[in-house]
Each structure stands twice: as C-alpha cells, then as structure tokens.
Amino acid sequence: MDGDREKDMKKKITALTLCAMLLAVCVSANAQQPGKVPKIGFLVGPSRSFFANRMESFQQGLQSLGYIEGKNIAIEYRYAEGEG
C-alpha cells in the first residue's frame, strides 16, 4: 500500500509542478512589453504627386523585407511643396 501512496504523491507533485511551470510561462509572456516600432521620416522636396510612384516602390520594398506600415513600422511623410 505504501507503494501506491508514493506513486499517487509523485503524480500529484508532477502535476502541480507542470501547472506551476505553465502558469509561470503564461505570466511572463503577458508581462512582456511590446517592442518599440521603428519610425522612418520620408522627406521630399517636390509635391506628393511628383513622388507617388517612388513612394509606392519604397513601400513595396519595405513589405518585401517584412515591414508593414502601421503594424511594425511607422512612416512620417513630409513635403516641401517646392518651398525652401
């Protein structure tokens, strides 16, 4: 009978240990802070319409590298509109 009690106790200890480990993993995963999103400044002298096709190519190039605007990268566009 003592052998059965030992087996039951070992099962309980194993189950409790696994539960504690799973809880620790879940808590640490939720506690991680989201990474800082990189920001790109897109500065252009002429107007937006002048660079429209180049901007599209630029965005496609970023996407081919795994960057999606608004998800894992931010882009700020600025145009001089011929001034300056």
PDB file of N, CA and C in Angstrom:
ATOM      1  N   MET A   1       0.803  -1.200   0.000  1.00  0.00           N
ATOM      2  CA  MET A   1       0.000   0.000   0.000  1.00  0.00           C
ATOM      3  C   MET A   1       0.848   1.267   0.000  1.00  0.00           C
ATOM      4  N   ASP A   2       1.985   1.202   0.690  1.00  0.00           N
ATOM      5  CA  ASP A   2       2.841   2.375   0.730  1.00  0.00           C
ATOM      6  C   ASP A   2       3.338   2.724  -0.662  1.00  0.00           C
ATOM      7  N   GLY A   3       3.541   1.724  -1.499  1.00  0.00           N
ATOM      8  CA  GLY A   3       3.982   1.951  -2.864  1.00  0.00           C
ATOM      9  C   GLY A   3       2.944   2.709  -3.670  1.00  0.00           C
ATOM     10  N   ASP A   4       1.660   2.406  -3.450  1.00  0.00           N
ATOM     11  CA  ASP A   4       0.576   3.116  -4.148  1.00  0.00           C
ATOM     12  C   ASP A   4       0.505   4.569  -3.706  1.00  0.00           C
ATOM     13  N   ARG A   5       0.680   4.795  -2.418  1.00  0.00           N
ATOM     14  CA  ARG A   5       0.655   6.172  -1.896  1.00  0.00           C
ATOM     15  C   ARG A   5       1.808   6.990  -2.475  1.00  0.00           C
ATOM     16  N   GLU A   6       2.967   6.375  -2.567  1.00  0.00           N
ATOM     17  CA  GLU A   6       4.127   7.072  -3.133  1.00  0.00           C
ATOM     18  C   GLU A   6       3.884   7.422  -4.590  1.00  0.00           C
ATOM     19  N   LYS A   7       3.317   6.501  -5.351  1.00  0.00           N
ATOM     20  CA  LYS A   7       3.021   6.761  -6.753  1.00  0.00           C
ATOM     21  C   LYS A   7       2.003   7.895  -6.891  1.00  0.00           C
ATOM     22  N   ASP A   8       0.954   7.862  -6.066  1.00  0.00           N
ATOM     23  CA  ASP A   8      -0.057   8.923  -6.106  1.00  0.00           C
ATOM     24  C   ASP A   8       0.554  10.272  -5.742  1.00  0.00           C
ATOM     25  N   MET A   9       1.413  10.287  -4.735  1.00  0.00           N
ATOM     26  CA  MET A   9       2.056  11.526  -4.300  1.00  0.00           C
ATOM     27  C   MET A   9       2.976  12.059  -5.401  1.00  0.00           C
ATOM     28  N   LYS A  10       3.718  11.167  -6.058  1.00  0.00           N
ATOM     29  CA  LYS A  10       4.600  11.586  -7.147  1.00  0.00           C
ATOM     30  C   LYS A  10       3.790  12.152  -8.306  1.00  0.00           C
ATOM     31  N   LYS A  11       2.656  11.545  -8.606  1.00  0.00           N
ATOM     32  CA  LYS A  11       1.783  12.044  -9.673  1.00  0.00           C
ATOM     33  C   LYS A  11       1.265  13.441  -9.336  1.00  0.00           C
ATOM     34  N   LYS A  12       0.857  13.622  -8.083  1.00  0.00           N
ATOM     35  CA  LYS A  12       0.345  14.930  -7.656  1.00  0.00           C
ATOM     36  C   LYS A  12       1.437  15.997  -7.712  1.00  0.00           C
ATOM     37  N   ILE A  13       2.619  15.641  -7.253  1.00  0.00           N
ATOM     38  CA  ILE A  13       3.738  16.589  -7.280  1.00  0.00           C
ATOM     39  C   ILE A  13       4.107  16.936  -8.715  1.00  0.00           C
ATOM     40  N   THR A  14       4.130  15.929  -9.600  1.00  0.00           N
ATOM     41  CA  THR A  14       4.440  16.169 -11.009  1.00  0.00           C
ATOM     42  C   THR A  14       3.391  17.076 -11.641  1.00  0.00           C
ATOM     43  N   ALA A  15       2.119  16.801 -11.391  1.00  0.00           N
ATOM     44  CA  ALA A  15       1.035  17.621 -11.946  1.00  0.00           C
ATOM     45  C   ALA A  15       1.111  19.051 -11.419  1.00  0.00           C
ATOM     46  N   LEU A  16       1.364  19.221 -10.143  1.00  0.00           N
ATOM     47  CA  LEU A  16       1.471  20.551  -9.544  1.00  0.00           C
ATOM     48  C   LEU A  16       2.661  21.316 -10.128  1.00  0.00           C
ATOM     49  N   THR A  17       3.776  20.620 -10.315  1.00  0.00           N
ATOM     50  CA  THR A  17       4.961  21.249 -10.896  1.00  0.00           C
ATOM     51  C   THR A  17       4.694  21.705 -12.326  1.00  0.00           C
ATOM     52  N   LEU A  18       4.059  20.854 -13.125  1.00  0.00           N
ATOM     53  CA  LEU A  18       3.737  21.224 -14.505  1.00  0.00           C
ATOM     54  C   LEU A  18       2.789  22.427 -14.555  1.00  0.00           C
ATOM     55  N   CYS A  19       1.793  22.430 -13.687  1.00  0.00           N
ATOM     56  CA  CYS A  19       0.866  23.562 -13.631  1.00  0.00           C
ATOM     57  C   CYS A  19       1.588  24.856 -13.256  1.00  0.00           C
ATOM     58  N   ALA A  20       2.479  24.766 -12.300  1.00  0.00           N
ATOM     59  CA  ALA A  20       3.235  25.951 -11.883  1.00  0.00           C
ATOM     60  C   ALA A  20       4.119  26.460 -13.015  1.00  0.00           C
ATOM     61  N   MET A  21       4.737  25.541 -13.754  1.00  0.00           N
ATOM     62  CA  MET A  21       5.592  25.946 -14.876  1.00  0.00           C
ATOM     63  C   MET A  21       4.768  26.599 -15.985  1.00  0.00           C
ATOM     64  N   LEU A  22       3.626  26.031 -16.295  1.00  0.00           N
ATOM     65  CA  LEU A  22       2.758  26.621 -17.322  1.00  0.00           C
ATOM     66  C   LEU A  22       2.276  28.008 -16.907  1.00  0.00           C
ATOM     67  N   LEU A  23       1.916  28.152 -15.665  1.00  0.00           N
ATOM     68  CA  LEU A  23       1.485  29.453 -15.164  1.00  0.00           C
ATOM     69  C   LEU A  23       2.609  30.474 -15.265  1.00  0.00           C
ATOM     70  N   ALA A  24       3.812  30.064 -14.918  1.00  0.00           N
ATOM     71  CA  ALA A  24       4.959  30.978 -14.991  1.00  0.00           C
ATOM     72  C   ALA A  24       5.215  31.415 -16.428  1.00  0.00           C
ATOM     73  N   VAL A  25       5.100  30.487 -17.372  1.00  0.00           N
ATOM     74  CA  VAL A  25       5.317  30.820 -18.778  1.00  0.00           C
ATOM     75  C   VAL A  25       4.247  31.790 -19.270  1.00  0.00           C
ATOM     76  N   CYS A  26       3.002  31.539 -18.920  1.00  0.00           N
ATOM     77  CA  CYS A  26       1.900  32.416 -19.351  1.00  0.00           C
ATOM     78  C   CYS A  26       2.036  33.818 -18.769  1.00  0.00           C
ATOM     79  N   VAL A  27       2.387  33.910 -17.516  1.00  0.00           N
ATOM     80  CA  VAL A  27       2.525  35.214 -16.870  1.00  0.00           C
ATOM     81  C   VAL A  27       3.676  36.001 -17.480  1.00  0.00           C
ATOM     82  N   SER A  28       4.797  35.345 -17.735  1.00  0.00           N
ATOM     83  CA  SER A  28       5.932  36.063 -18.301  1.00  0.00           C
ATOM     84  C   SER A  28       5.654  36.483 -19.740  1.00  0.00           C
ATOM     85  N   ALA A  29       4.891  35.708 -20.493  1.00  0.00           N
ATOM     86  CA  ALA A  29       4.557  36.084 -21.871  1.00  0.00           C
ATOM     87  C   ALA A  29       3.648  37.302 -21.891  1.00  0.00           C
ATOM     88  N   ASN A  30       2.721  37.391 -20.960  1.00  0.00           N
ATOM     89  CA  ASN A  30       1.816  38.541 -20.899  1.00  0.00           C
ATOM     90  C   ASN A  30       2.510  39.777 -20.355  1.00  0.00           C
ATOM     91  N   ALA A  31       3.558  39.603 -19.590  1.00  0.00           N
ATOM     92  CA  ALA A  31       4.225  40.737 -18.963  1.00  0.00           C
ATOM     93  C   ALA A  31       5.192  41.442 -19.902  1.00  0.00           C
ATOM     94  N   GLN A  32       5.516  40.835 -21.034  1.00  0.00           N
ATOM     95  CA  GLN A  32       6.474  41.451 -21.945  1.00  0.00           C
ATOM     96  C   GLN A  32       5.887  42.710 -22.559  1.00  0.00           C
ATOM     97  N   GLN A  33       6.697  43.743 -22.612  1.00  0.00           N
ATOM     98  CA  GLN A  33       6.275  45.000 -23.207  1.00  0.00           C
ATOM     99  C   GLN A  33       6.424  44.900 -24.724  1.00  0.00           C
ATOM    100  N   PRO A  34       5.471  45.507 -25.450  1.00  0.00           N
ATOM    101  CA  PRO A  34       5.620  45.481 -26.899  1.00  0.00           C
ATOM    102  C   PRO A  34       6.867  46.250 -27.317  1.00  0.00           C
ATOM    103  N   GLY A  35       7.515  45.763 -28.367  1.00  0.00           N
ATOM    104  CA  GLY A  35       8.732  46.408 -28.846  1.00  0.00           C
ATOM    105  C   GLY A  35       8.446  47.777 -29.426  1.00  0.00           C
ATOM    106  N   LYS A  36       9.451  48.601 -29.424  1.00  0.00           N
ATOM    107  CA  LYS A  36       9.325  49.933 -29.977  1.00  0.00           C
ATOM    108  C   LYS A  36       9.243  49.832 -31.494  1.00  0.00           C
ATOM    109  N   VAL A  37       8.264  50.496 -32.083  1.00  0.00           N
ATOM    110  CA  VAL A  37       8.064  50.459 -33.529  1.00  0.00           C
ATOM    111  C   VAL A  37       9.009  51.464 -34.188  1.00  0.00           C
ATOM    112  N   PRO A  38       9.836  50.992 -35.132  1.00  0.00           N
ATOM    113  CA  PRO A  38      10.737  51.917 -35.831  1.00  0.00           C
ATOM    114  C   PRO A  38       9.943  52.956 -36.626  1.00  0.00           C
ATOM    115  N   LYS A  39      10.511  54.139 -36.728  1.00  0.00           N
ATOM    116  CA  LYS A  39       9.853  55.221 -37.460  1.00  0.00           C
ATOM    117  C   LYS A  39      10.795  55.723 -38.546  1.00  0.00           C
ATOM    118  N   ILE A  40      10.251  55.906 -39.747  1.00  0.00           N
ATOM    119  CA  ILE A  40      11.014  56.421 -40.877  1.00  0.00           C
ATOM    120  C   ILE A  40      10.455  57.779 -41.252  1.00  0.00           C
ATOM    121  N   GLY A  41      11.346  58.743 -41.467  1.00  0.00           N
ATOM    122  CA  GLY A  41      10.934  60.049 -41.974  1.00  0.00           C
ATOM    123  C   GLY A  41      11.162  60.093 -43.473  1.00  0.00           C
ATOM    124  N   PHE A  42      10.116  60.354 -44.243  1.00  0.00           N
ATOM    125  CA  PHE A  42      10.198  60.402 -45.707  1.00  0.00           C
ATOM    126  C   PHE A  42      10.101  61.865 -46.101  1.00  0.00           C
ATOM    127  N   LEU A  43      11.233  62.481 -46.415  1.00  0.00           N
ATOM    128  CA  LEU A  43      11.290  63.908 -46.725  1.00  0.00           C
ATOM    129  C   LEU A  43      11.479  64.098 -48.222  1.00  0.00           C
ATOM    130  N   VAL A  44      10.578  64.880 -48.832  1.00  0.00           N
ATOM    131  CA  VAL A  44      10.602  65.085 -50.278  1.00  0.00           C
ATOM    132  C   VAL A  44      10.466  66.575 -50.572  1.00  0.00           C
ATOM    133  N   GLY A  45      11.285  67.064 -51.501  1.00  0.00           N
ATOM    134  CA  GLY A  45      11.223  68.471 -51.887  1.00  0.00           C
ATOM    135  C   GLY A  45       9.986  68.820 -52.686  1.00  0.00           C
ATOM    136  N   PRO A  46       9.743  68.114 -53.803  1.00  0.00           N
ATOM    137  CA  PRO A  46       8.555  68.434 -54.602  1.00  0.00           C
ATOM    138  C   PRO A  46       7.274  67.945 -53.931  1.00  0.00           C
ATOM    139  N   SER A  47       6.185  67.993 -54.659  1.00  0.00           N
ATOM    140  CA  SER A  47       4.887  67.608 -54.113  1.00  0.00           C
ATOM    141  C   SER A  47       4.744  66.086 -54.009  1.00  0.00           C
ATOM    142  N   ARG A  48       3.712  65.666 -53.308  1.00  0.00           N
ATOM    143  CA  ARG A  48       3.428  64.237 -53.132  1.00  0.00           C
ATOM    144  C   ARG A  48       3.170  63.564 -54.475  1.00  0.00           C
ATOM    145  N   SER A  49       2.431  64.230 -55.357  1.00  0.00           N
ATOM    146  CA  SER A  49       2.092  63.615 -56.642  1.00  0.00           C
ATOM    147  C   SER A  49       3.332  63.359 -57.490  1.00  0.00           C
ATOM    148  N   PHE A  50       4.353  64.179 -57.342  1.00  0.00           N
ATOM    149  CA  PHE A  50       5.590  64.018 -58.099  1.00  0.00           C
ATOM    150  C   PHE A  50       6.304  62.714 -57.729  1.00  0.00           C
ATOM    151  N   PHE A  51       6.214  62.312 -56.453  1.00  0.00           N
ATOM    152  CA  PHE A  51       6.919  61.129 -55.963  1.00  0.00           C
ATOM    153  C   PHE A  51       5.995  59.946 -55.709  1.00  0.00           C
ATOM    154  N   ALA A  52       4.761  59.970 -56.190  1.00  0.00           N
ATOM    155  CA  ALA A  52       3.784  58.920 -55.878  1.00  0.00           C
ATOM    156  C   ALA A  52       4.285  57.526 -56.269  1.00  0.00           C
ATOM    157  N   ASN A  53       4.819  57.382 -57.494  1.00  0.00           N
ATOM    158  CA  ASN A  53       5.276  56.052 -57.914  1.00  0.00           C
ATOM    159  C   ASN A  53       6.508  55.599 -57.127  1.00  0.00           C
ATOM    160  N   ARG A  54       7.362  56.511 -56.759  1.00  0.00           N
ATOM    161  CA  ARG A  54       8.548  56.145 -55.964  1.00  0.00           C
ATOM    162  C   ARG A  54       8.153  55.756 -54.541  1.00  0.00           C
ATOM    163  N   MET A  55       7.148  56.438 -53.987  1.00  0.00           N
ATOM    164  CA  MET A  55       6.671  56.087 -52.645  1.00  0.00           C
ATOM    165  C   MET A  55       6.088  54.681 -52.648  1.00  0.00           C
ATOM    166  N   GLU A  56       5.353  54.356 -53.695  1.00  0.00           N
ATOM    167  CA  GLU A  56       4.769  53.023 -53.792  1.00  0.00           C
ATOM    168  C   GLU A  56       5.873  51.966 -53.867  1.00  0.00           C
ATOM    169  N   SER A  57       6.907  52.228 -54.652  1.00  0.00           N
ATOM    170  CA  SER A  57       8.043  51.303 -54.738  1.00  0.00           C
ATOM    171  C   SER A  57       8.757  51.174 -53.400  1.00  0.00           C
ATOM    172  N   PHE A  58       8.889  52.292 -52.713  1.00  0.00           N
ATOM    173  CA  PHE A  58       9.516  52.307 -51.395  1.00  0.00           C
ATOM    174  C   PHE A  58       8.726  51.427 -50.421  1.00  0.00           C
ATOM    175  N   GLN A  59       7.411  51.576 -50.417  1.00  0.00           N
ATOM    176  CA  GLN A  59       6.562  50.781 -49.522  1.00  0.00           C
ATOM    177  C   GLN A  59       6.611  49.299 -49.893  1.00  0.00           C
ATOM    178  N   GLN A  60       6.639  48.980 -51.181  1.00  0.00           N
ATOM    179  CA  GLN A  60       6.734  47.586 -51.606  1.00  0.00           C
ATOM    180  C   GLN A  60       8.068  46.977 -51.185  1.00  0.00           C
ATOM    181  N   GLY A  61       9.123  47.767 -51.277  1.00  0.00           N
ATOM    182  CA  GLY A  61      10.430  47.302 -50.824  1.00  0.00           C
ATOM    183  C   GLY A  61      10.439  46.995 -49.339  1.00  0.00           C
ATOM    184  N   LEU A  62       9.812  47.853 -48.564  1.00  0.00           N
ATOM    185  CA  LEU A  62       9.712  47.604 -47.121  1.00  0.00           C
ATOM    186  C   LEU A  62       8.918  46.335 -46.847  1.00  0.00           C
ATOM    187  N   GLN A  63       7.804  46.174 -47.568  1.00  0.00           N
ATOM    188  CA  GLN A  63       6.979  44.978 -47.378  1.00  0.00           C
ATOM    189  C   GLN A  63       7.743  43.706 -47.730  1.00  0.00           C
ATOM    190  N   SER A  64       8.585  43.769 -48.754  1.00  0.00           N
ATOM    191  CA  SER A  64       9.364  42.579 -49.114  1.00  0.00           C
ATOM    192  C   SER A  64      10.368  42.215 -48.019  1.00  0.00           C
ATOM    193  N   LEU A  65      10.709  43.195 -47.185  1.00  0.00           N
ATOM    194  CA  LEU A  65      11.604  42.953 -46.051  1.00  0.00           C
ATOM    195  C   LEU A  65      10.850  42.586 -44.776  1.00  0.00           C
ATOM    196  N   GLY A  66       9.501  42.548 -44.885  1.00  0.00           N
ATOM    197  CA  GLY A  66       8.687  42.165 -43.734  1.00  0.00           C
ATOM    198  C   GLY A  66       8.129  43.327 -42.938  1.00  0.00           C
ATOM    199  N   TYR A  67       8.301  44.558 -43.425  1.00  0.00           N
ATOM    200  CA  TYR A  67       7.783  45.730 -42.724  1.00  0.00           C
ATOM    201  C   TYR A  67       6.447  46.143 -43.328  1.00  0.00           C
ATOM    202  N   ILE A  68       5.454  46.296 -42.468  1.00  0.00           N
ATOM    203  CA  ILE A  68       4.136  46.710 -42.914  1.00  0.00           C
ATOM    204  C   ILE A  68       3.772  47.984 -42.169  1.00  0.00           C
ATOM    205  N   GLU A  69       3.536  49.045 -42.938  1.00  0.00           N
ATOM    206  CA  GLU A  69       3.239  50.342 -42.346  1.00  0.00           C
ATOM    207  C   GLU A  69       1.996  50.236 -41.469  1.00  0.00           C
ATOM    208  N   GLY A  70       2.105  50.757 -40.265  1.00  0.00           N
ATOM    209  CA  GLY A  70       1.004  50.720 -39.314  1.00  0.00           C
ATOM    210  C   GLY A  70       1.013  49.494 -38.419  1.00  0.00           C
ATOM    211  N   LYS A  71       1.795  48.472 -38.765  1.00  0.00           N
ATOM    212  CA  LYS A  71       1.876  47.267 -37.930  1.00  0.00           C
ATOM    213  C   LYS A  71       3.218  47.181 -37.212  1.00  0.00           C
ATOM    214  N   ASN A  72       4.307  47.157 -37.989  1.00  0.00           N
ATOM    215  CA  ASN A  72       5.614  47.021 -37.354  1.00  0.00           C
ATOM    216  C   ASN A  72       6.588  48.108 -37.798  1.00  0.00           C
ATOM    217  N   ILE A  73       6.065  49.121 -38.456  1.00  0.00           N
ATOM    218  CA  ILE A  73       6.885  50.287 -38.828  1.00  0.00           C
ATOM    219  C   ILE A  73       5.958  51.485 -39.022  1.00  0.00           C
ATOM    220  N   ALA A  74       6.455  52.672 -38.699  1.00  0.00           N
ATOM    221  CA  ALA A  74       5.700  53.912 -38.900  1.00  0.00           C
ATOM    222  C   ALA A  74       6.481  54.795 -39.869  1.00  0.00           C
ATOM    223  N   ILE A  75       5.754  55.427 -40.779  1.00  0.00           N
ATOM    224  CA  ILE A  75       6.396  56.315 -41.750  1.00  0.00           C
ATOM    225  C   ILE A  75       5.723  57.678 -41.660  1.00  0.00           C
ATOM    226  N   GLU A  76       6.553  58.700 -41.500  1.00  0.00           N
ATOM    227  CA  GLU A  76       6.045  60.078 -41.493  1.00  0.00           C
ATOM    228  C   GLU A  76       6.482  60.749 -42.783  1.00  0.00           C
ATOM    229  N   TYR A  77       5.504  61.205 -43.544  1.00  0.00           N
ATOM    230  CA  TYR A  77       5.758  61.852 -44.829  1.00  0.00           C
ATOM    231  C   TYR A  77       5.742  63.368 -44.652  1.00  0.00           C
ATOM    232  N   ARG A  78       6.721  64.025 -45.241  1.00  0.00           N
ATOM    233  CA  ARG A  78       6.790  65.488 -45.239  1.00  0.00           C
ATOM    234  C   ARG A  78       7.168  65.953 -46.624  1.00  0.00           C
ATOM    235  N   TYR A  79       6.475  66.987 -47.107  1.00  0.00           N
ATOM    236  CA  TYR A  79       6.716  67.523 -48.450  1.00  0.00           C
ATOM    237  C   TYR A  79       6.952  69.024 -48.368  1.00  0.00           C
ATOM    238  N   ALA A  80       7.938  69.482 -49.102  1.00  0.00           N
ATOM    239  CA  ALA A  80       8.248  70.912 -49.113  1.00  0.00           C
ATOM    240  C   ALA A  80       7.317  71.672 -50.061  1.00  0.00           C
ATOM    241  N   GLU A  81       6.671  70.940 -50.968  1.00  0.00           N
ATOM    242  CA  GLU A  81       5.781  71.550 -51.958  1.00  0.00           C
ATOM    243  C   GLU A  81       6.488  72.653 -52.746  1.00  0.00           C
ATOM    244  N   GLY A  82       7.771  72.433 -53.035  1.00  0.00           N
ATOM    245  CA  GLY A  82       8.532  73.385 -53.821  1.00  0.00           C
ATOM    246  C   GLY A  82       9.065  74.568 -53.045  1.00  0.00           C
ATOM    247  N   GLU A  83       8.815  74.619 -51.740  1.00  0.00           N
ATOM    248  CA  GLU A  83       9.309  75.720 -50.905  1.00  0.00           C
ATOM    249  C   GLU A  83      10.628  75.327 -50.265  1.00  0.00           C
ATOM    250  N   GLY A  84      11.403  76.303 -49.923  1.00  0.00           N
ATOM    251  CA  GLY A  84      12.585  76.048 -49.135  1.00  0.00           C
ATOM    252  C   GLY A  84      13.789  75.982 -49.932  1.00  0.00           C
TER     253      GLY A  84
END
